[in-house]
């Protein structure tokens, strides 16, 4: 199973012929390749898998996905039933 995580593009630049960006994942900044979404701009949300932005998302969809990921993380930390 692959997991793509939404993030917001905060900076776009060219690096050796590749369109690259700094993407904010809830306060964690990572470098991401934008070559698959050349139309991406600062402020856009993108779905990222292993350092590559695969597609662009609307802000509502990105926030909904982030909320679901937070819910999953919380569930994983809760004890199961009456153990």
PDB file of N, CA and C in Angstrom:
ATOM      1  N   UNK A   1       0.842  -1.172   0.000  1.00  0.00           N
ATOM      2  CA  UNK A   1       0.000   0.000   0.000  1.00  0.00           C
ATOM      3  C   UNK A   1       0.890   1.239   0.000  1.00  0.00           C
ATOM      4  N   UNK A   2       0.545   2.212  -0.792  1.00  0.00           N
ATOM      5  CA  UNK A   2       1.264   3.480  -0.859  1.00  0.00           C
ATOM      6  C   UNK A   2       0.489   4.530  -0.083  1.00  0.00           C
ATOM      7  N   UNK A   3       1.214   5.462   0.493  1.00  0.00           N
ATOM      8  CA  UNK A   3       0.577   6.536   1.234  1.00  0.00           C
ATOM      9  C   UNK A   3       1.070   7.861   0.683  1.00  0.00           C
ATOM     10  N   UNK A   4       0.144   8.669   0.209  1.00  0.00           N
ATOM     11  CA  UNK A   4       0.454  10.022  -0.221  1.00  0.00           C
ATOM     12  C   UNK A   4      -0.021  10.978   0.847  1.00  0.00           C
ATOM     13  N   UNK A   5       0.793  11.962   1.185  1.00  0.00           N
ATOM     14  CA  UNK A   5       0.473  12.906   2.244  1.00  0.00           C
ATOM     15  C   UNK A   5       0.335  14.300   1.638  1.00  0.00           C
ATOM     16  N   UNK A   6      -0.750  15.007   1.971  1.00  0.00           N
ATOM     17  CA  UNK A   6      -0.909  16.363   1.444  1.00  0.00           C
ATOM     18  C   UNK A   6      -0.042  17.371   2.192  1.00  0.00           C
ATOM     19  N   UNK A   7       0.454  18.328   1.446  1.00  0.00           N
ATOM     20  CA  UNK A   7       1.235  19.419   2.019  1.00  0.00           C
ATOM     21  C   UNK A   7       1.026  20.676   1.206  1.00  0.00           C
ATOM     22  N   UNK A   8       1.387  21.827   1.801  1.00  0.00           N
ATOM     23  CA  UNK A   8       1.215  23.121   1.135  1.00  0.00           C
ATOM     24  C   UNK A   8       2.573  23.616   0.640  1.00  0.00           C
ATOM     25  N   UNK A   9       2.618  24.016  -0.605  1.00  0.00           N
ATOM     26  CA  UNK A   9       3.851  24.513  -1.219  1.00  0.00           C
ATOM     27  C   UNK A   9       4.141  25.918  -0.693  1.00  0.00           C
ATOM     28  N   UNK A  10       5.349  26.094  -0.137  1.00  0.00           N
ATOM     29  CA  UNK A  10       5.722  27.401   0.408  1.00  0.00           C
ATOM     30  C   UNK A  10       6.819  28.092  -0.402  1.00  0.00           C
ATOM     31  N   UNK A  11       7.508  27.334  -1.252  1.00  0.00           N
ATOM     32  CA  UNK A  11       8.552  27.927  -2.099  1.00  0.00           C
ATOM     33  C   UNK A  11       8.744  27.032  -3.316  1.00  0.00           C
ATOM     34  N   UNK A  12       8.948  27.660  -4.477  1.00  0.00           N
ATOM     35  CA  UNK A  12       9.199  26.926  -5.722  1.00  0.00           C
ATOM     36  C   UNK A  12      10.513  27.429  -6.305  1.00  0.00           C
ATOM     37  N   UNK A  13      11.318  26.511  -6.838  1.00  0.00           N
ATOM     38  CA  UNK A  13      12.602  26.890  -7.434  1.00  0.00           C
ATOM     39  C   UNK A  13      13.019  25.848  -8.472  1.00  0.00           C
ATOM     40  N   UNK A  14      14.022  26.181  -9.227  1.00  0.00           N
ATOM     41  CA  UNK A  14      14.601  25.263 -10.204  1.00  0.00           C
ATOM     42  C   UNK A  14      15.915  24.744  -9.623  1.00  0.00           C
ATOM     43  N   UNK A  15      16.121  23.436  -9.700  1.00  0.00           N
ATOM     44  CA  UNK A  15      17.388  22.859  -9.255  1.00  0.00           C
ATOM     45  C   UNK A  15      17.876  21.899 -10.324  1.00  0.00           C
ATOM     46  N   UNK A  16      18.887  22.319 -11.028  1.00  0.00           N
ATOM     47  CA  UNK A  16      19.501  21.494 -12.079  1.00  0.00           C
ATOM     48  C   UNK A  16      18.467  21.006 -13.096  1.00  0.00           C
ATOM     49  N   UNK A  17      17.551  21.879 -13.477  1.00  0.00           N
ATOM     50  CA  UNK A  17      16.553  21.542 -14.489  1.00  0.00           C
ATOM     51  C   UNK A  17      15.302  20.868 -13.950  1.00  0.00           C
ATOM     52  N   UNK A  18      15.226  20.628 -12.642  1.00  0.00           N
ATOM     53  CA  UNK A  18      14.033  20.045 -12.026  1.00  0.00           C
ATOM     54  C   UNK A  18      13.259  21.127 -11.289  1.00  0.00           C
ATOM     55  N   UNK A  19      11.941  21.079 -11.403  1.00  0.00           N
ATOM     56  CA  UNK A  19      11.107  22.004 -10.638  1.00  0.00           C
ATOM     57  C   UNK A  19      10.955  21.421  -9.235  1.00  0.00           C
ATOM     58  N   UNK A  20      11.471  22.145  -8.244  1.00  0.00           N
ATOM     59  CA  UNK A  20      11.475  21.683  -6.864  1.00  0.00           C
ATOM     60  C   UNK A  20      10.704  22.658  -5.986  1.00  0.00           C
ATOM     61  N   UNK A  21      10.320  22.181  -4.807  1.00  0.00           N
ATOM     62  CA  UNK A  21       9.582  23.029  -3.878  1.00  0.00           C
ATOM     63  C   UNK A  21       9.916  22.669  -2.450  1.00  0.00           C
ATOM     64  N   UNK A  22       9.715  23.635  -1.574  1.00  0.00           N
ATOM     65  CA  UNK A  22       9.662  23.373  -0.149  1.00  0.00           C
ATOM     66  C   UNK A  22       8.186  23.225   0.174  1.00  0.00           C
ATOM     67  N   UNK A  23       7.827  22.112   0.814  1.00  0.00           N
ATOM     68  CA  UNK A  23       6.432  21.820   1.120  1.00  0.00           C
ATOM     69  C   UNK A  23       6.278  21.687   2.637  1.00  0.00           C
ATOM     70  N   UNK A  24       5.234  22.316   3.155  1.00  0.00           N
ATOM     71  CA  UNK A  24       4.934  22.315   4.582  1.00  0.00           C
ATOM     72  C   UNK A  24       3.926  21.215   4.896  1.00  0.00           C
ATOM     73  N   UNK A  25       4.350  20.262   5.720  1.00  0.00           N
ATOM     74  CA  UNK A  25       3.488  19.173   6.186  1.00  0.00           C
ATOM     75  C   UNK A  25       3.186  19.418   7.657  1.00  0.00           C
ATOM     76  N   UNK A  26       2.298  20.361   7.926  1.00  0.00           N
ATOM     77  CA  UNK A  26       1.922  20.646   9.312  1.00  0.00           C
ATOM     78  C   UNK A  26       3.075  21.124  10.172  1.00  0.00           C
ATOM     79  N   UNK A  27       3.941  21.939   9.625  1.00  0.00           N
ATOM     80  CA  UNK A  27       5.078  22.469  10.362  1.00  0.00           C
ATOM     81  C   UNK A  27       6.398  21.786  10.048  1.00  0.00           C
ATOM     82  N   UNK A  28       6.348  20.667   9.369  1.00  0.00           N
ATOM     83  CA  UNK A  28       7.563  19.970   8.940  1.00  0.00           C
ATOM     84  C   UNK A  28       7.797  20.315   7.474  1.00  0.00           C
ATOM     85  N   UNK A  29       8.943  20.914   7.172  1.00  0.00           N
ATOM     86  CA  UNK A  29       9.267  21.325   5.808  1.00  0.00           C
ATOM     87  C   UNK A  29      10.140  20.275   5.138  1.00  0.00           C
ATOM     88  N   UNK A  30       9.788  19.927   3.913  1.00  0.00           N
ATOM     89  CA  UNK A  30      10.550  18.950   3.141  1.00  0.00           C
ATOM     90  C   UNK A  30      10.704  19.433   1.703  1.00  0.00           C
ATOM     91  N   UNK A  31      11.785  18.991   1.060  1.00  0.00           N
ATOM     92  CA  UNK A  31      11.999  19.281  -0.351  1.00  0.00           C
ATOM     93  C   UNK A  31      11.256  18.233  -1.182  1.00  0.00           C
ATOM     94  N   UNK A  32      10.529  18.715  -2.193  1.00  0.00           N
ATOM     95  CA  UNK A  32       9.686  17.852  -3.013  1.00  0.00           C
ATOM     96  C   UNK A  32       9.893  18.198  -4.483  1.00  0.00           C
ATOM     97  N   UNK A  33       9.922  17.190  -5.334  1.00  0.00           N
ATOM     98  CA  UNK A  33      10.025  17.389  -6.774  1.00  0.00           C
ATOM     99  C   UNK A  33       8.632  17.659  -7.341  1.00  0.00           C
ATOM    100  N   UNK A  34       8.503  18.721  -8.139  1.00  0.00           N
ATOM    101  CA  UNK A  34       7.220  19.099  -8.744  1.00  0.00           C
ATOM    102  C   UNK A  34       7.131  18.770 -10.223  1.00  0.00           C
ATOM    103  N   UNK A  35       8.062  17.998 -10.751  1.00  0.00           N
ATOM    104  CA  UNK A  35       8.069  17.756 -12.203  1.00  0.00           C
ATOM    105  C   UNK A  35       6.798  17.079 -12.718  1.00  0.00           C
ATOM    106  N   UNK A  36       6.088  16.321 -11.868  1.00  0.00           N
ATOM    107  CA  UNK A  36       4.836  15.685 -12.312  1.00  0.00           C
ATOM    108  C   UNK A  36       3.654  16.654 -12.289  1.00  0.00           C
ATOM    109  N   UNK A  37       3.824  17.793 -11.615  1.00  0.00           N
ATOM    110  CA  UNK A  37       2.765  18.822 -11.551  1.00  0.00           C
ATOM    111  C   UNK A  37       3.390  20.189 -11.854  1.00  0.00           C
ATOM    112  N   UNK A  38       3.830  20.389 -13.099  1.00  0.00           N
ATOM    113  CA  UNK A  38       4.554  21.616 -13.435  1.00  0.00           C
ATOM    114  C   UNK A  38       3.731  22.892 -13.251  1.00  0.00           C
ATOM    115  N   UNK A  39       2.408  22.761 -13.177  1.00  0.00           N
ATOM    116  CA  UNK A  39       1.552  23.939 -12.987  1.00  0.00           C
ATOM    117  C   UNK A  39       1.481  24.390 -11.528  1.00  0.00           C
ATOM    118  N   UNK A  40       2.091  23.641 -10.612  1.00  0.00           N
ATOM    119  CA  UNK A  40       2.040  23.944  -9.178  1.00  0.00           C
ATOM    120  C   UNK A  40       2.669  25.297  -8.879  1.00  0.00           C
ATOM    121  N   UNK A  41       2.053  25.988  -7.899  1.00  0.00           N
ATOM    122  CA  UNK A  41       2.515  27.311  -7.487  1.00  0.00           C
ATOM    123  C   UNK A  41       2.532  27.400  -5.969  1.00  0.00           C
ATOM    124  N   UNK A  42       3.221  28.414  -5.460  1.00  0.00           N
ATOM    125  CA  UNK A  42       3.241  28.671  -4.025  1.00  0.00           C
ATOM    126  C   UNK A  42       1.800  28.836  -3.542  1.00  0.00           C
ATOM    127  N   UNK A  43       1.476  28.168  -2.434  1.00  0.00           N
ATOM    128  CA  UNK A  43       0.139  28.226  -1.859  1.00  0.00           C
ATOM    129  C   UNK A  43      -0.737  27.043  -2.237  1.00  0.00           C
ATOM    130  N   UNK A  44      -0.361  26.324  -3.300  1.00  0.00           N
ATOM    131  CA  UNK A  44      -1.121  25.136  -3.711  1.00  0.00           C
ATOM    132  C   UNK A  44      -0.865  23.993  -2.732  1.00  0.00           C
ATOM    133  N   UNK A  45      -1.838  23.092  -2.652  1.00  0.00           N
ATOM    134  CA  UNK A  45      -1.676  21.850  -1.906  1.00  0.00           C
ATOM    135  C   UNK A  45      -1.404  20.734  -2.895  1.00  0.00           C
ATOM    136  N   UNK A  46      -0.475  19.849  -2.524  1.00  0.00           N
ATOM    137  CA  UNK A  46      -0.139  18.739  -3.398  1.00  0.00           C
ATOM    138  C   UNK A  46      -0.102  17.446  -2.583  1.00  0.00           C
ATOM    139  N   UNK A  47      -0.325  16.348  -3.267  1.00  0.00           N
ATOM    140  CA  UNK A  47      -0.245  15.023  -2.650  1.00  0.00           C
ATOM    141  C   UNK A  47       1.149  14.481  -2.946  1.00  0.00           C
ATOM    142  N   UNK A  48       1.903  14.143  -1.900  1.00  0.00           N
ATOM    143  CA  UNK A  48       3.310  13.773  -2.044  1.00  0.00           C
ATOM    144  C   UNK A  48       3.526  12.321  -1.629  1.00  0.00           C
ATOM    145  N   UNK A  49       4.276  11.609  -2.449  1.00  0.00           N
ATOM    146  CA  UNK A  49       4.691  10.239  -2.147  1.00  0.00           C
ATOM    147  C   UNK A  49       6.174  10.125  -2.455  1.00  0.00           C
ATOM    148  N   UNK A  50       6.952   9.678  -1.504  1.00  0.00           N
ATOM    149  CA  UNK A  50       8.411   9.513  -1.587  1.00  0.00           C
ATOM    150  C   UNK A  50       9.120  10.681  -2.270  1.00  0.00           C
ATOM    151  N   UNK A  51       8.749  11.892  -1.888  1.00  0.00           N
ATOM    152  CA  UNK A  51       9.449  13.070  -2.376  1.00  0.00           C
ATOM    153  C   UNK A  51       8.977  13.624  -3.703  1.00  0.00           C
ATOM    154  N   UNK A  52       7.920  13.067  -4.268  1.00  0.00           N
ATOM    155  CA  UNK A  52       7.374  13.542  -5.538  1.00  0.00           C
ATOM    156  C   UNK A  52       5.922  13.980  -5.352  1.00  0.00           C
ATOM    157  N   UNK A  53       5.606  15.183  -5.812  1.00  0.00           N
ATOM    158  CA  UNK A  53       4.213  15.629  -5.827  1.00  0.00           C
ATOM    159  C   UNK A  53       3.531  14.929  -6.997  1.00  0.00           C
ATOM    160  N   UNK A  54       2.464  14.185  -6.690  1.00  0.00           N
ATOM    161  CA  UNK A  54       1.791  13.396  -7.722  1.00  0.00           C
ATOM    162  C   UNK A  54       0.604  14.114  -8.346  1.00  0.00           C
ATOM    163  N   UNK A  55      -0.075  14.951  -7.564  1.00  0.00           N
ATOM    164  CA  UNK A  55      -1.172  15.756  -8.102  1.00  0.00           C
ATOM    165  C   UNK A  55      -1.472  16.895  -7.145  1.00  0.00           C
ATOM    166  N   UNK A  56      -2.267  17.836  -7.616  1.00  0.00           N
ATOM    167  CA  UNK A  56      -2.660  18.976  -6.796  1.00  0.00           C
ATOM    168  C   UNK A  56      -4.025  18.702  -6.177  1.00  0.00           C
ATOM    169  N   UNK A  57      -4.243  19.278  -5.002  1.00  0.00           N
ATOM    170  CA  UNK A  57      -5.502  19.127  -4.271  1.00  0.00           C
ATOM    171  C   UNK A  57      -6.045  20.504  -3.921  1.00  0.00           C
ATOM    172  N   UNK A  58      -7.359  20.570  -3.753  1.00  0.00           N
ATOM    173  CA  UNK A  58      -7.943  21.778  -3.193  1.00  0.00           C
ATOM    174  C   UNK A  58      -7.656  21.808  -1.699  1.00  0.00           C
ATOM    175  N   UNK A  59      -7.722  22.993  -1.103  1.00  0.00           N
ATOM    176  CA  UNK A  59      -7.429  23.117   0.322  1.00  0.00           C
ATOM    177  C   UNK A  59      -8.380  22.275   1.178  1.00  0.00           C
ATOM    178  N   UNK A  60      -9.670  22.261   0.834  1.00  0.00           N
ATOM    179  CA  UNK A  60     -10.639  21.482   1.617  1.00  0.00           C
ATOM    180  C   UNK A  60     -10.299  19.996   1.601  1.00  0.00           C
ATOM    181  N   UNK A  61      -9.982  19.472   0.426  1.00  0.00           N
ATOM    182  CA  UNK A  61      -9.631  18.049   0.311  1.00  0.00           C
ATOM    183  C   UNK A  61      -8.349  17.740   1.087  1.00  0.00           C
ATOM    184  N   UNK A  62      -7.369  18.640   1.000  1.00  0.00           N
ATOM    185  CA  UNK A  62      -6.112  18.443   1.721  1.00  0.00           C
ATOM    186  C   UNK A  62      -6.360  18.431   3.229  1.00  0.00           C
ATOM    187  N   UNK A  63      -7.156  19.385   3.728  1.00  0.00           N
ATOM    188  CA  UNK A  63      -7.434  19.458   5.167  1.00  0.00           C
ATOM    189  C   UNK A  63      -8.216  18.234   5.643  1.00  0.00           C
ATOM    190  N   UNK A  64      -9.163  17.760   4.834  1.00  0.00           N
ATOM    191  CA  UNK A  64      -9.938  16.568   5.193  1.00  0.00           C
ATOM    192  C   UNK A  64      -9.026  15.342   5.287  1.00  0.00           C
ATOM    193  N   UNK A  65      -8.117  15.204   4.330  1.00  0.00           N
ATOM    194  CA  UNK A  65      -7.184  14.079   4.338  1.00  0.00           C
ATOM    195  C   UNK A  65      -6.257  14.161   5.550  1.00  0.00           C
ATOM    196  N   UNK A  66      -5.748  15.350   5.855  1.00  0.00           N
ATOM    197  CA  UNK A  66      -4.885  15.517   7.025  1.00  0.00           C
ATOM    198  C   UNK A  66      -5.630  15.173   8.312  1.00  0.00           C
ATOM    199  N   UNK A  67      -6.880  15.569   8.392  1.00  0.00           N
ATOM    200  CA  UNK A  67      -7.696  15.253   9.564  1.00  0.00           C
ATOM    201  C   UNK A  67      -7.856  13.738   9.727  1.00  0.00           C
ATOM    202  N   UNK A  68      -8.109  13.041   8.627  1.00  0.00           N
ATOM    203  CA  UNK A  68      -8.231  11.579   8.678  1.00  0.00           C
ATOM    204  C   UNK A  68      -6.924  10.918   9.105  1.00  0.00           C
ATOM    205  N   UNK A  69      -5.797  11.420   8.617  1.00  0.00           N
ATOM    206  CA  UNK A  69      -4.499  10.865   9.004  1.00  0.00           C
ATOM    207  C   UNK A  69      -4.238  11.080  10.498  1.00  0.00           C
ATOM    208  N   UNK A  70      -4.639  12.253  11.028  1.00  0.00           N
ATOM    209  CA  UNK A  70      -4.491  12.518  12.461  1.00  0.00           C
ATOM    210  C   UNK A  70      -5.366  11.563  13.269  1.00  0.00           C
ATOM    211  N   UNK A  71      -6.599  11.314  12.801  1.00  0.00           N
ATOM    212  CA  UNK A  71      -7.500  10.372  13.483  1.00  0.00           C
ATOM    213  C   UNK A  71      -6.895   8.969  13.521  1.00  0.00           C
ATOM    214  N   UNK A  72      -6.320   8.534  12.419  1.00  0.00           N
ATOM    215  CA  UNK A  72      -5.690   7.207  12.354  1.00  0.00           C
ATOM    216  C   UNK A  72      -4.534   7.131  13.354  1.00  0.00           C
ATOM    217  N   UNK A  73      -3.728   8.170  13.410  1.00  0.00           N
ATOM    218  CA  UNK A  73      -2.596   8.181  14.334  1.00  0.00           C
ATOM    219  C   UNK A  73      -3.073   8.108  15.781  1.00  0.00           C
ATOM    220  N   UNK A  74      -4.148   8.826  16.104  1.00  0.00           N
ATOM    221  CA  UNK A  74      -4.700   8.779  17.462  1.00  0.00           C
ATOM    222  C   UNK A  74      -5.211   7.383  17.795  1.00  0.00           C
ATOM    223  N   UNK A  75      -5.901   6.744  16.852  1.00  0.00           N
ATOM    224  CA  UNK A  75      -6.435   5.402  17.084  1.00  0.00           C
ATOM    225  C   UNK A  75      -5.327   4.393  17.344  1.00  0.00           C
ATOM    226  N   UNK A  76      -4.216   4.548  16.645  1.00  0.00           N
ATOM    227  CA  UNK A  76      -3.095   3.625  16.819  1.00  0.00           C
ATOM    228  C   UNK A  76      -2.482   3.737  18.210  1.00  0.00           C
ATOM    229  N   UNK A  77      -2.652   4.869  18.874  1.00  0.00           N
ATOM    230  CA  UNK A  77      -2.054   5.085  20.195  1.00  0.00           C
ATOM    231  C   UNK A  77      -3.002   4.706  21.330  1.00  0.00           C
ATOM    232  N   UNK A  78      -4.275   4.466  21.030  1.00  0.00           N
ATOM    233  CA  UNK A  78      -5.244   4.116  22.074  1.00  0.00           C
ATOM    234  C   UNK A  78      -5.207   2.617  22.328  1.00  0.00           C
ATOM    235  N   UNK A  79      -5.331   2.237  23.601  1.00  0.00           N
ATOM    236  CA  UNK A  79      -5.367   0.803  23.922  1.00  0.00           C
ATOM    237  C   UNK A  79      -6.660   0.184  23.385  1.00  0.00           C
ATOM    238  N   UNK A  80      -6.606  -1.090  23.032  1.00  0.00           N
ATOM    239  CA  UNK A  80      -7.777  -1.801  22.513  1.00  0.00           C
ATOM    240  C   UNK A  80      -8.613  -2.366  23.655  1.00  0.00           C
ATOM    241  N   UNK A  81      -9.886  -2.065  23.667  1.00  0.00           N
ATOM    242  CA  UNK A  81     -10.860  -2.663  24.571  1.00  0.00           C
ATOM    243  C   UNK A  81     -10.414  -2.794  26.007  1.00  0.00           C
ATOM    244  N   UNK A  82     -10.784  -3.895  26.641  1.00  0.00           N
ATOM    245  CA  UNK A  82     -10.465  -4.174  28.044  1.00  0.00           C
ATOM    246  C   UNK A  82      -9.354  -5.208  28.127  1.00  0.00           C
ATOM    247  N   UNK A  83      -8.153  -4.805  27.890  1.00  0.00           N
ATOM    248  CA  UNK A  83      -7.018  -5.734  27.929  1.00  0.00           C
ATOM    249  C   UNK A  83      -6.478  -5.871  29.315  1.00  0.00           C
TER     250      UNK A  83
END
